[in-house]
Amino acid sequence: MSTPSHPNAKTWVAVIGSTLGAFMAVLNIQIVNASLTDIQGAIGAGIDDGGWISTAYLIAEIVVIPLTGWLARAFSIRLYLLVNAVLFLVFSVACAFARNLEQMIVLRAIQGFTGGVLIPMAFTIIITFLPKAKQAIGLAMFALSATFAPAIGPTIGGYLTENWGWQYIFYVNLVPGALMVGMLWFSLDKSPLRLSLLSQGDWPGIITMAIGLASLQTVLEEGNKDDWFGSPFIVRLSIVAAVALPLFIWIELTSKRPLLKLRLLARRNFGFGTIANFLLGIALYGSVFILPLYLARIQGYNAEQIGMVLAWTGLPQLLLIPLVPRLMRRFDARLVIGVGFALFATSNFMNIHMTADYAADQLLWPNIVRAIGQALAFMPLSAIATAGIETENAGSASALFNMMRNLGGAVGIAALQTFQTKREQFHSNVLTQLVSLFAEATRDRIAELTNYFLSHGAADQAEAGHRAIVAIALAVRQQANIMAFSDTFYLLGVALVVALVATMLLKRPGRMDAGGAH
């Protein structure tokens, strides 16, 4: 397909409509997570089982992303995208009417399967419909879905849940969704179906990929809760993933018609760009996970309050992302990416000395710095990684790039959950040794608290002394938790420093354009 040097209005409508779909698909993950407690209570799900409401969506999404390029060729971009966009809206509304956990899991899985189509298709449309000179603008729009949507999701989800009810987090998709469907219907041209591709498909690759990714995603989502390899279920799924995924890679490298062209990763810019994108996924989704957890657990914030804090990681991006294409014209794109990763890393390092008083006001500047960093890093990284990718390889490139970011998010959240738990135990052990009854400071503190409780309703000396010891134990646990959260931000900062190193290995954009298409 030849790309016109000056795209017409119809092309821009297709780009805007598809990126709106990607925005909604990413937003739907975070908007539901912000309201998970309310949903669990409404449908009678336990705390552990309720996690499957999110897990079902994420498993379906990560499995369908690699399939999208192949299915879009078979059914045509127009039909495939329109059908999935409509189904996404239908099952979004259906989730609001779920009456039990089983119904919700099935509906969320189907919604994830349709929503997962919208993300790589938007990316594919940008890098195939737009000429190189205009792709930066399209990728800036896509960046709003990848970085702005996760940041603003808890804000919207918290507000709707607290003021309207959890059902509205699913209804909110209807108006922008109708606009998306209308834009895609108008802008995408009809093209013939190529159903013969279904019979020629890389079915061994599809089967091993689906089994491997579904198993891996489940392990990452459920592992920490089930004590990882202390659970036979997690052990079995880990073995399945360990067998299926290497087999999938071998099939793709040896097949004449592979589902994904993994050899694209051997191209310097796409390979290192994908590594950096994986690490960006760890930090992007990891920080959106860990910050609400800190605010709820340590500061006692509700969903709406958490959303207001996280809004400052999203709102500045609305102003900054449209300016990034101009920066790329004036400066080496690698420099823009490097500054972005450096700022994103710095925002995490700003949170490594937290105290019990560290709340919304103290998080304001780290969140603004993070917003600037995300805005600068994502779009230029996407542009450099995919420059020189031929039209026939666009589907594979889009699937790999977006799948690795989502997989990075799953790995990041799983690692941070485990890391935070282990560090809390470590700090608790250290602090408990320091707060010894043999220490004079401890005995003085117990005496102070005992006198306090005696003057505030304790029946006798024994009860007051017990309350004093409990209060000290709770204070130790809270301090250990705070120190563990500080450690998780340090880990996120380190991941972003590694991503910064990966971007230093990218070729200069000028040289890349000259030789990237062979």
Protein backbone atom coordinates (compact mmCIF):
# COMPACT_ATOMS: atom_id res chain seq x y z
CA MET A 1 0.00 0.00 0.00
CA SER A 2 1.46 3.37 -1.02
CA THR A 3 1.11 6.12 1.53
CA PRO A 4 0.24 9.62 0.22
CA SER A 5 2.68 12.35 1.26
CA HIS A 6 -0.22 14.59 2.34
CA PRO A 7 -2.93 12.58 4.14
CA ASN A 8 -6.48 13.80 3.61
CA ALA A 9 -9.13 14.51 6.24
CA LYS A 10 -10.51 10.98 5.95
CA THR A 11 -7.13 9.51 6.92
CA TRP A 12 -6.90 11.78 9.97
CA VAL A 13 -10.42 10.74 11.03
CA ALA A 14 -9.30 7.09 10.85
CA VAL A 15 -6.23 7.88 12.98
CA ILE A 16 -8.23 9.84 15.57
CA GLY A 17 -11.02 7.23 15.70
CA SER A 18 -8.60 4.32 16.15
CA THR A 19 -6.52 6.11 18.81
CA LEU A 20 -9.73 6.95 20.69
CA GLY A 21 -10.43 3.21 20.72
CA ALA A 22 -6.94 2.44 22.05
CA PHE A 23 -7.41 5.12 24.73
CA MET A 24 -10.67 3.52 25.89
CA ALA A 25 -9.17 0.02 25.95
CA VAL A 26 -6.23 1.10 28.16
CA LEU A 27 -8.42 3.35 30.30
CA ASN A 28 -10.75 0.43 31.00
CA ILE A 29 -8.02 -1.49 32.83
CA GLN A 30 -7.27 1.25 35.35
CA ILE A 31 -10.81 2.57 35.70
CA VAL A 32 -11.99 -0.88 36.84
CA ASN A 33 -9.01 -1.44 39.14
CA ALA A 34 -9.88 1.79 40.98
CA SER A 35 -13.35 0.43 41.75
CA LEU A 36 -12.54 -3.24 42.28
CA THR A 37 -13.49 -3.25 45.98
CA ASP A 38 -16.97 -1.90 45.22
CA ILE A 39 -17.49 -4.36 42.37
CA GLN A 40 -16.41 -7.29 44.54
CA GLY A 41 -18.90 -6.30 47.22
CA ALA A 42 -21.75 -5.86 44.73
CA ILE A 43 -21.37 -9.28 43.09
CA GLY A 44 -20.44 -11.17 46.26
CA ALA A 45 -16.82 -11.92 45.32
CA GLY A 46 -14.12 -12.47 47.93
CA ILE A 47 -10.97 -10.34 48.00
CA ASP A 48 -8.82 -13.09 46.46
CA ASP A 49 -11.37 -14.17 43.83
CA GLY A 50 -12.18 -10.57 42.88
CA GLY A 51 -8.73 -10.20 41.35
CA TRP A 52 -9.91 -12.38 38.47
CA ILE A 53 -12.12 -9.51 37.30
CA SER A 54 -8.96 -7.71 36.18
CA THR A 55 -6.94 -10.83 35.39
CA ALA A 56 -9.54 -12.15 32.92
CA TYR A 57 -9.44 -8.87 30.95
CA LEU A 58 -5.63 -8.75 30.90
CA ILE A 59 -5.20 -12.39 29.83
CA ALA A 60 -7.60 -11.97 26.91
CA GLU A 61 -6.00 -8.68 25.91
CA ILE A 62 -2.41 -9.93 25.85
CA VAL A 63 -3.43 -13.06 23.88
CA VAL A 64 -5.32 -11.16 21.17
CA ILE A 65 -2.68 -8.47 20.55
CA PRO A 66 -0.32 -10.82 18.63
CA LEU A 67 -3.28 -12.21 16.63
CA THR A 68 -4.49 -8.81 15.46
CA GLY A 69 -2.25 -8.29 12.45
CA TRP A 70 -3.13 -11.69 10.96
CA LEU A 71 -6.88 -11.40 11.66
CA ALA A 72 -6.98 -7.85 10.26
CA ARG A 73 -5.51 -9.11 6.98
CA ALA A 74 -8.05 -11.95 6.85
CA PHE A 75 -11.18 -9.93 7.68
CA SER A 76 -9.98 -6.49 6.43
CA ILE A 77 -9.04 -3.63 8.71
CA ARG A 78 -12.47 -2.00 8.38
CA LEU A 79 -14.60 -5.04 9.26
CA TYR A 80 -12.26 -6.37 11.95
CA LEU A 81 -11.90 -3.03 13.74
CA LEU A 82 -15.58 -2.06 13.51
CA VAL A 83 -16.88 -5.42 14.78
CA ASN A 84 -14.50 -5.41 17.73
CA ALA A 85 -15.22 -1.76 18.56
CA VAL A 86 -18.97 -2.49 18.69
CA LEU A 87 -18.48 -5.67 20.71
CA PHE A 88 -16.23 -3.80 23.15
CA LEU A 89 -19.08 -1.39 23.88
CA VAL A 90 -21.71 -4.15 24.09
CA PHE A 91 -19.73 -6.19 26.61
CA SER A 92 -18.74 -3.07 28.53
CA VAL A 93 -22.42 -2.37 29.22
CA ALA A 94 -23.05 -6.07 29.88
CA CYS A 95 -20.43 -5.99 32.69
CA ALA A 96 -22.60 -3.47 34.57
CA PHE A 97 -25.38 -6.08 34.70
CA ALA A 98 -23.23 -8.98 35.95
CA ARG A 99 -24.84 -10.59 38.98
CA ASN A 100 -22.06 -12.89 40.17
CA LEU A 101 -18.31 -13.43 39.85
CA GLU A 102 -18.58 -16.08 37.13
CA GLN A 103 -20.64 -13.80 34.85
CA MET A 104 -18.28 -10.88 35.45
CA ILE A 105 -15.16 -12.94 34.63
CA VAL A 106 -16.64 -14.21 31.35
CA LEU A 107 -17.85 -10.75 30.31
CA ARG A 108 -14.56 -9.09 31.23
CA ALA A 109 -12.60 -11.72 29.29
CA ILE A 110 -14.66 -11.09 26.14
CA GLN A 111 -14.36 -7.34 26.66
CA GLY A 112 -10.58 -7.74 27.02
CA PHE A 113 -10.44 -9.81 23.84
CA THR A 114 -12.20 -7.06 21.87
CA GLY A 115 -10.43 -4.20 23.64
CA GLY A 116 -7.05 -5.79 23.00
CA VAL A 117 -7.70 -5.45 19.26
CA LEU A 118 -8.10 -1.67 19.51
CA ILE A 119 -4.58 -1.00 20.86
CA PRO A 120 -2.33 -2.52 18.14
CA MET A 121 -4.78 -1.60 15.36
CA ALA A 122 -4.45 2.09 16.21
CA PHE A 123 -0.66 1.74 16.15
CA THR A 124 -0.79 -0.13 12.82
CA ILE A 125 -3.05 2.50 11.22
CA ILE A 126 -0.67 5.28 12.30
CA ILE A 127 2.47 3.66 10.86
CA THR A 128 0.78 2.50 7.62
CA PHE A 129 -1.77 5.23 6.78
CA LEU A 130 0.41 8.24 7.61
CA PRO A 131 3.60 9.29 5.78
CA LYS A 132 6.83 9.42 7.80
CA ALA A 133 6.63 13.20 8.10
CA LYS A 134 3.23 13.01 9.82
CA GLN A 135 3.69 9.86 11.91
CA ALA A 136 5.02 11.83 14.88
CA ILE A 137 1.65 13.59 15.17
CA GLY A 138 -0.22 10.27 15.02
CA LEU A 139 2.11 8.69 17.58
CA ALA A 140 1.60 11.69 19.86
CA MET A 141 -2.13 10.91 19.78
CA PHE A 142 -1.36 7.24 20.50
CA ALA A 143 0.84 8.29 23.44
CA LEU A 144 -2.26 9.73 25.12
CA SER A 145 -3.73 6.23 25.15
CA ALA A 146 -0.58 4.56 26.43
CA THR A 147 0.55 7.03 29.11
CA PHE A 148 -2.29 9.47 29.82
CA ALA A 149 -5.04 6.82 30.06
CA PRO A 150 -3.40 4.76 32.86
CA ALA A 151 -2.75 7.96 34.85
CA ILE A 152 -6.24 9.44 34.51
CA GLY A 153 -8.10 6.08 34.84
CA PRO A 154 -8.13 6.00 38.67
CA THR A 155 -9.31 9.64 38.72
CA ILE A 156 -12.33 8.90 36.53
CA GLY A 157 -13.02 5.52 38.17
CA GLY A 158 -12.79 6.95 41.69
CA TYR A 159 -15.10 9.88 40.91
CA LEU A 160 -17.75 7.76 39.19
CA THR A 161 -17.73 5.08 41.89
CA GLU A 162 -17.95 7.50 44.80
CA ASN A 163 -20.62 9.74 43.23
CA TRP A 164 -22.63 7.59 40.80
CA GLY A 165 -21.95 3.92 41.51
CA TRP A 166 -19.56 1.33 40.08
CA GLN A 167 -21.85 0.53 37.12
CA TYR A 168 -21.01 3.91 35.58
CA ILE A 169 -17.38 2.94 35.03
CA PHE A 170 -18.77 0.69 32.29
CA TYR A 171 -21.42 3.11 30.99
CA VAL A 172 -18.80 5.85 30.56
CA ASN A 173 -17.52 4.06 27.44
CA LEU A 174 -20.76 4.57 25.50
CA VAL A 175 -20.53 8.20 24.31
CA PRO A 176 -16.85 8.19 23.21
CA GLY A 177 -17.40 4.65 21.92
CA ALA A 178 -20.27 5.75 19.68
CA LEU A 179 -18.07 8.56 18.36
CA MET A 180 -15.26 6.07 17.70
CA VAL A 181 -17.52 3.69 15.76
CA GLY A 182 -18.93 6.58 13.69
CA MET A 183 -15.44 7.85 12.80
CA LEU A 184 -14.20 4.39 11.84
CA TRP A 185 -17.33 3.67 9.78
CA PHE A 186 -16.83 6.90 7.83
CA SER A 187 -13.07 6.79 7.36
CA LEU A 188 -12.05 3.18 6.74
CA ASP A 189 -12.45 1.99 3.15
CA LYS A 190 -13.99 -1.35 2.35
CA SER A 191 -11.58 -4.01 1.17
CA PRO A 192 -12.06 -7.64 0.16
CA LEU A 193 -11.91 -10.38 2.77
CA ARG A 194 -9.01 -12.84 2.53
CA LEU A 195 -10.52 -15.74 4.44
CA SER A 196 -8.02 -18.15 2.86
CA LEU A 197 -5.49 -16.70 5.32
CA LEU A 198 -7.38 -18.42 8.13
CA SER A 199 -6.61 -21.88 6.73
CA GLN A 200 -3.02 -20.83 5.97
CA GLY A 201 -2.52 -19.47 9.46
CA ASP A 202 0.38 -20.39 11.69
CA TRP A 203 -1.82 -22.55 13.90
CA PRO A 204 0.98 -24.24 15.87
CA GLY A 205 2.34 -20.75 16.65
CA ILE A 206 -1.12 -19.43 17.53
CA ILE A 207 -1.86 -22.32 19.91
CA THR A 208 1.52 -22.24 21.69
CA MET A 209 1.40 -18.43 21.91
CA ALA A 210 -2.11 -18.38 23.37
CA ILE A 211 -1.36 -21.12 25.92
CA GLY A 212 2.02 -19.66 26.85
CA LEU A 213 0.94 -16.03 27.22
CA ALA A 214 -2.29 -16.91 29.05
CA SER A 215 -0.35 -19.09 31.50
CA LEU A 216 2.37 -16.48 32.02
CA GLN A 217 -0.14 -13.65 32.53
CA THR A 218 -2.06 -15.73 35.08
CA VAL A 219 1.14 -16.57 36.96
CA LEU A 220 2.13 -12.90 37.07
CA GLU A 221 -1.32 -11.70 38.13
CA GLU A 222 -2.07 -14.37 40.73
CA GLY A 223 1.39 -15.51 41.86
CA ASN A 224 1.97 -13.13 44.76
CA LYS A 225 -1.49 -13.75 46.19
CA ASP A 226 -1.01 -17.54 45.98
CA ASP A 227 2.51 -17.51 47.47
CA TRP A 228 4.13 -18.14 44.07
CA PHE A 229 5.68 -21.61 43.89
CA GLY A 230 4.09 -22.57 47.18
CA SER A 231 0.94 -23.03 45.09
CA PRO A 232 0.62 -26.18 42.91
CA PHE A 233 -1.63 -24.17 40.54
CA ILE A 234 1.10 -21.56 39.96
CA VAL A 235 3.77 -24.27 39.59
CA ARG A 236 1.74 -26.09 36.92
CA LEU A 237 1.04 -22.89 34.98
CA SER A 238 4.71 -21.87 35.20
CA ILE A 239 5.75 -25.20 33.67
CA VAL A 240 3.18 -24.76 30.89
CA ALA A 241 4.48 -21.25 30.13
CA ALA A 242 8.12 -22.42 30.29
CA VAL A 243 7.38 -25.09 27.66
CA ALA A 244 4.91 -23.24 25.43
CA LEU A 245 6.70 -19.89 25.00
CA PRO A 246 10.12 -21.24 23.89
CA LEU A 247 8.26 -23.62 21.56
CA PHE A 248 6.34 -20.63 20.14
CA ILE A 249 9.61 -18.74 19.53
CA TRP A 250 11.13 -21.77 17.77
CA ILE A 251 8.01 -22.18 15.59
CA GLU A 252 8.03 -18.48 14.61
CA LEU A 253 11.71 -18.55 13.65
CA THR A 254 11.32 -21.66 11.48
CA SER A 255 7.83 -21.20 9.98
CA LYS A 256 7.37 -20.04 6.37
CA ARG A 257 4.30 -18.00 7.38
CA PRO A 258 4.92 -17.00 11.01
CA LEU A 259 2.23 -15.32 13.08
CA LEU A 260 4.80 -12.77 14.28
CA LYS A 261 8.03 -11.90 12.48
CA LEU A 262 10.32 -12.15 15.48
CA ARG A 263 13.35 -11.45 13.28
CA LEU A 264 12.28 -7.79 13.34
CA LEU A 265 13.76 -7.73 16.86
CA ALA A 266 17.20 -8.25 15.29
CA ARG A 267 16.95 -4.76 13.79
CA ARG A 268 18.92 -2.53 16.10
CA ASN A 269 16.41 0.23 16.66
CA PHE A 270 13.34 -1.97 16.85
CA GLY A 271 15.08 -4.46 19.16
CA PHE A 272 16.50 -1.93 21.63
CA GLY A 273 13.35 0.19 21.32
CA THR A 274 11.23 -2.81 22.28
CA ILE A 275 13.47 -3.52 25.29
CA ALA A 276 13.12 0.11 26.41
CA ASN A 277 9.35 -0.13 25.82
CA PHE A 278 9.17 -3.28 28.00
CA LEU A 279 10.96 -1.42 30.81
CA LEU A 280 8.69 1.59 30.27
CA GLY A 281 5.72 -0.76 30.73
CA ILE A 282 7.19 -1.95 34.04
CA ALA A 283 7.49 1.63 35.31
CA LEU A 284 4.29 2.97 33.74
CA TYR A 285 1.91 0.32 35.04
CA GLY A 286 4.00 -0.40 38.13
CA SER A 287 3.80 3.18 39.36
CA VAL A 288 0.05 3.33 38.67
CA PHE A 289 -0.26 0.19 40.79
CA ILE A 290 2.05 1.04 43.68
CA LEU A 291 1.03 4.67 44.28
CA PRO A 292 -2.71 3.96 44.88
CA LEU A 293 -1.70 1.02 47.10
CA TYR A 294 0.46 3.35 49.22
CA LEU A 295 -2.23 6.02 49.48
CA ALA A 296 -4.92 3.49 50.47
CA ARG A 297 -2.81 1.43 52.87
CA ILE A 298 -0.77 4.17 54.58
CA GLN A 299 -2.87 7.33 54.19
CA GLY A 300 -6.34 5.75 54.18
CA TYR A 301 -7.44 7.52 50.97
CA ASN A 302 -10.62 6.44 49.18
CA ALA A 303 -10.85 5.88 45.41
CA GLU A 304 -11.79 9.49 44.63
CA GLN A 305 -8.96 10.94 46.75
CA ILE A 306 -6.45 8.60 45.12
CA GLY A 307 -7.74 9.65 41.70
CA MET A 308 -7.17 13.32 42.49
CA VAL A 309 -3.54 12.63 43.46
CA LEU A 310 -2.91 10.61 40.29
CA ALA A 311 -4.53 13.28 38.12
CA TRP A 312 -1.26 15.24 38.34
CA THR A 313 0.52 12.41 36.54
CA GLY A 314 -2.01 12.69 33.71
CA LEU A 315 -3.19 16.26 33.23
CA PRO A 316 0.22 17.81 32.39
CA GLN A 317 0.57 15.25 29.58
CA LEU A 318 -2.42 16.77 27.78
CA LEU A 319 -0.39 19.96 27.39
CA LEU A 320 2.99 18.37 26.77
CA ILE A 321 2.38 15.49 24.35
CA PRO A 322 1.18 17.73 21.47
CA LEU A 323 4.47 19.67 21.78
CA VAL A 324 6.71 16.60 21.51
CA PRO A 325 6.65 16.37 17.66
CA ARG A 326 8.04 19.94 17.56
CA LEU A 327 10.81 18.98 19.97
CA MET A 328 11.68 16.03 17.72
CA ARG A 329 12.10 18.39 14.77
CA ARG A 330 14.51 20.60 16.74
CA PHE A 331 16.47 17.99 18.70
CA ASP A 332 17.80 14.47 18.22
CA ALA A 333 14.89 12.19 19.16
CA ARG A 334 17.25 10.05 21.26
CA LEU A 335 18.00 13.10 23.40
CA VAL A 336 14.27 13.72 23.92
CA ILE A 337 13.78 10.07 24.94
CA GLY A 338 16.80 10.20 27.25
CA VAL A 339 15.55 13.33 29.02
CA GLY A 340 12.13 11.69 29.35
CA PHE A 341 13.50 8.51 30.93
CA ALA A 342 15.82 10.55 33.18
CA LEU A 343 12.91 12.66 34.46
CA PHE A 344 10.67 9.60 34.92
CA ALA A 345 13.47 7.90 36.90
CA THR A 346 14.02 11.07 38.94
CA SER A 347 10.32 11.22 39.84
CA ASN A 348 10.64 7.77 41.43
CA PHE A 349 13.89 8.60 43.21
CA MET A 350 12.11 11.64 44.71
CA ASN A 351 9.89 9.17 46.62
CA ILE A 352 12.57 7.04 48.28
CA HIS A 353 12.59 8.89 51.62
CA MET A 354 8.90 8.76 52.48
CA THR A 355 7.51 9.25 55.98
CA ALA A 356 4.07 8.81 57.56
CA ASP A 357 3.31 12.43 56.59
CA TYR A 358 4.10 11.81 52.90
CA ALA A 359 0.73 12.33 51.16
CA ALA A 360 -0.91 14.35 48.37
CA ASP A 361 1.07 17.59 48.85
CA GLN A 362 4.42 15.82 48.98
CA LEU A 363 3.56 13.71 45.90
CA LEU A 364 2.60 16.71 43.75
CA TRP A 365 6.05 17.53 42.34
CA PRO A 366 7.16 13.91 41.83
CA ASN A 367 3.91 13.33 39.91
CA ILE A 368 4.42 16.40 37.72
CA VAL A 369 8.03 15.40 36.97
CA ARG A 370 6.78 11.90 36.14
CA ALA A 371 4.15 13.34 33.78
CA ILE A 372 6.80 15.36 31.91
CA GLY A 373 9.09 12.32 31.68
CA GLN A 374 6.37 10.02 30.33
CA ALA A 375 5.29 12.60 27.76
CA LEU A 376 8.85 13.02 26.46
CA ALA A 377 9.80 9.32 26.43
CA PHE A 378 6.94 7.39 24.89
CA MET A 379 6.20 8.99 21.54
CA PRO A 380 9.78 9.49 20.28
CA LEU A 381 10.62 5.93 21.37
CA SER A 382 7.70 4.59 19.31
CA ALA A 383 8.79 6.70 16.32
CA ILE A 384 12.43 5.59 16.37
CA ALA A 385 11.62 1.93 17.03
CA THR A 386 9.19 1.64 14.11
CA ALA A 387 10.92 3.91 11.56
CA GLY A 388 11.92 1.86 8.55
CA ILE A 389 9.34 -0.87 9.23
CA GLU A 390 7.79 -1.90 5.91
CA THR A 391 4.03 -1.92 5.42
CA GLU A 392 3.90 -5.72 5.22
CA ASN A 393 5.69 -5.95 8.58
CA ALA A 394 3.65 -3.23 10.31
CA GLY A 395 1.20 -5.70 11.89
CA SER A 396 3.97 -7.80 13.46
CA ALA A 397 5.87 -4.71 14.61
CA SER A 398 2.75 -3.21 16.19
CA ALA A 399 1.84 -6.49 17.93
CA LEU A 400 5.35 -7.04 19.31
CA PHE A 401 5.84 -3.45 20.46
CA ASN A 402 2.48 -3.18 22.22
CA MET A 403 2.52 -6.72 23.60
CA MET A 404 5.94 -6.17 25.20
CA ARG A 405 4.78 -2.96 26.90
CA ASN A 406 1.73 -4.74 28.33
CA LEU A 407 3.86 -7.73 29.34
CA GLY A 408 6.27 -5.32 31.02
CA GLY A 409 3.34 -3.96 32.99
CA ALA A 410 2.34 -7.45 34.15
CA VAL A 411 5.93 -8.33 35.11
CA GLY A 412 6.35 -4.97 36.86
CA ILE A 413 3.21 -5.27 38.98
CA ALA A 414 3.99 -8.87 39.94
CA ALA A 415 7.60 -8.00 40.84
CA LEU A 416 6.58 -4.92 42.84
CA GLN A 417 3.93 -6.83 44.80
CA THR A 418 6.44 -9.46 45.83
CA PHE A 419 9.25 -6.97 46.39
CA GLN A 420 7.08 -4.75 48.57
CA THR A 421 5.95 -7.71 50.69
CA LYS A 422 9.51 -9.02 51.16
CA ARG A 423 10.94 -5.58 51.97
CA GLU A 424 8.15 -4.94 54.48
CA GLN A 425 9.07 -8.19 56.23
CA PHE A 426 12.77 -7.25 56.15
CA HIS A 427 12.24 -3.77 57.59
CA SER A 428 9.79 -5.13 60.17
CA ASN A 429 12.39 -7.62 61.41
CA VAL A 430 15.08 -4.92 61.65
CA LEU A 431 12.80 -2.45 63.44
CA THR A 432 11.46 -5.11 65.82
CA GLN A 433 15.03 -5.88 66.92
CA LEU A 434 15.64 -2.18 67.55
CA VAL A 435 12.38 -1.73 69.48
CA SER A 436 13.40 -4.07 72.28
CA LEU A 437 12.05 -4.10 75.81
CA PHE A 438 15.68 -4.02 76.93
CA ALA A 439 16.08 -0.58 75.28
CA GLU A 440 15.49 2.33 77.62
CA ALA A 441 13.82 4.40 74.87
CA THR A 442 11.28 1.62 74.29
CA ARG A 443 10.46 1.30 77.99
CA ASP A 444 10.03 5.09 78.23
CA ARG A 445 7.70 5.09 75.21
CA ILE A 446 5.60 2.25 76.66
CA ALA A 447 5.33 4.16 79.95
CA GLU A 448 4.19 7.33 78.10
CA LEU A 449 1.57 5.45 76.10
CA THR A 450 0.38 3.55 79.17
CA ASN A 451 -0.24 6.80 81.02
CA TYR A 452 -2.00 8.18 77.91
CA PHE A 453 -4.38 5.20 77.70
CA LEU A 454 -5.03 5.30 81.46
CA SER A 455 -6.22 8.89 81.06
CA HIS A 456 -8.28 8.00 77.96
CA GLY A 457 -10.54 5.20 79.11
CA ALA A 458 -8.34 2.19 79.89
CA ALA A 459 -9.83 0.16 82.79
CA ASP A 460 -6.57 -0.57 84.56
CA GLN A 461 -2.75 -0.62 84.28
CA ALA A 462 -2.70 -4.02 82.53
CA GLU A 463 -5.13 -2.95 79.77
CA ALA A 464 -3.30 0.36 79.28
CA GLY A 465 0.03 -1.48 79.03
CA HIS A 466 -1.41 -3.90 76.47
CA ARG A 467 -2.75 -1.03 74.37
CA ALA A 468 0.66 0.66 74.54
CA ILE A 469 2.45 -2.44 73.22
CA VAL A 470 -0.15 -2.88 70.44
CA ALA A 471 0.24 0.79 69.46
CA ILE A 472 4.02 0.41 69.21
CA ALA A 473 3.65 -2.79 67.16
CA LEU A 474 1.27 -1.02 64.75
CA ALA A 475 3.66 1.92 64.45
CA VAL A 476 6.54 -0.46 63.66
CA ARG A 477 4.48 -2.21 61.01
CA GLN A 478 3.42 1.08 59.43
CA GLN A 479 7.00 2.34 59.35
CA ALA A 480 8.17 -0.94 57.82
CA ASN A 481 5.46 -0.60 55.16
CA ILE A 482 6.47 2.98 54.36
CA MET A 483 10.13 1.96 54.04
CA ALA A 484 9.11 -0.92 51.75
CA PHE A 485 7.14 1.45 49.51
CA SER A 486 10.19 3.73 49.34
CA ASP A 487 12.22 0.73 48.18
CA THR A 488 9.71 -0.06 45.42
CA PHE A 489 10.05 3.47 44.02
CA TYR A 490 13.83 3.00 44.06
CA LEU A 491 13.41 -0.23 42.06
CA LEU A 492 11.20 1.57 39.50
CA GLY A 493 13.85 4.27 39.15
CA VAL A 494 16.53 1.65 38.49
CA ALA A 495 14.37 0.01 35.77
CA LEU A 496 14.08 3.38 34.05
CA VAL A 497 17.85 3.95 34.25
CA VAL A 498 18.28 0.61 32.43
CA ALA A 499 15.73 1.80 29.83
CA LEU A 500 17.81 4.97 29.45
CA VAL A 501 20.89 2.83 28.72
CA ALA A 502 18.92 0.89 26.07
CA THR A 503 17.98 4.16 24.32
CA MET A 504 21.65 5.15 24.16
CA LEU A 505 22.19 2.13 21.91
CA LEU A 506 19.70 3.40 19.30
CA LYS A 507 21.05 4.70 16.00
CA ARG A 508 20.72 8.36 15.06
CA PRO A 509 17.33 8.95 13.40
CA GLY A 510 18.89 10.36 10.23
CA ARG A 511 21.06 7.32 9.61
CA MET A 512 18.20 5.09 10.67
CA ASP A 513 15.86 6.50 8.03
CA ALA A 514 18.45 6.01 5.36
CA GLY A 515 19.06 2.39 6.07
CA GLY A 516 16.27 1.08 8.19
CA ALA A 517 14.11 -0.37 5.43
CA HIS A 518 16.12 -3.32 4.33
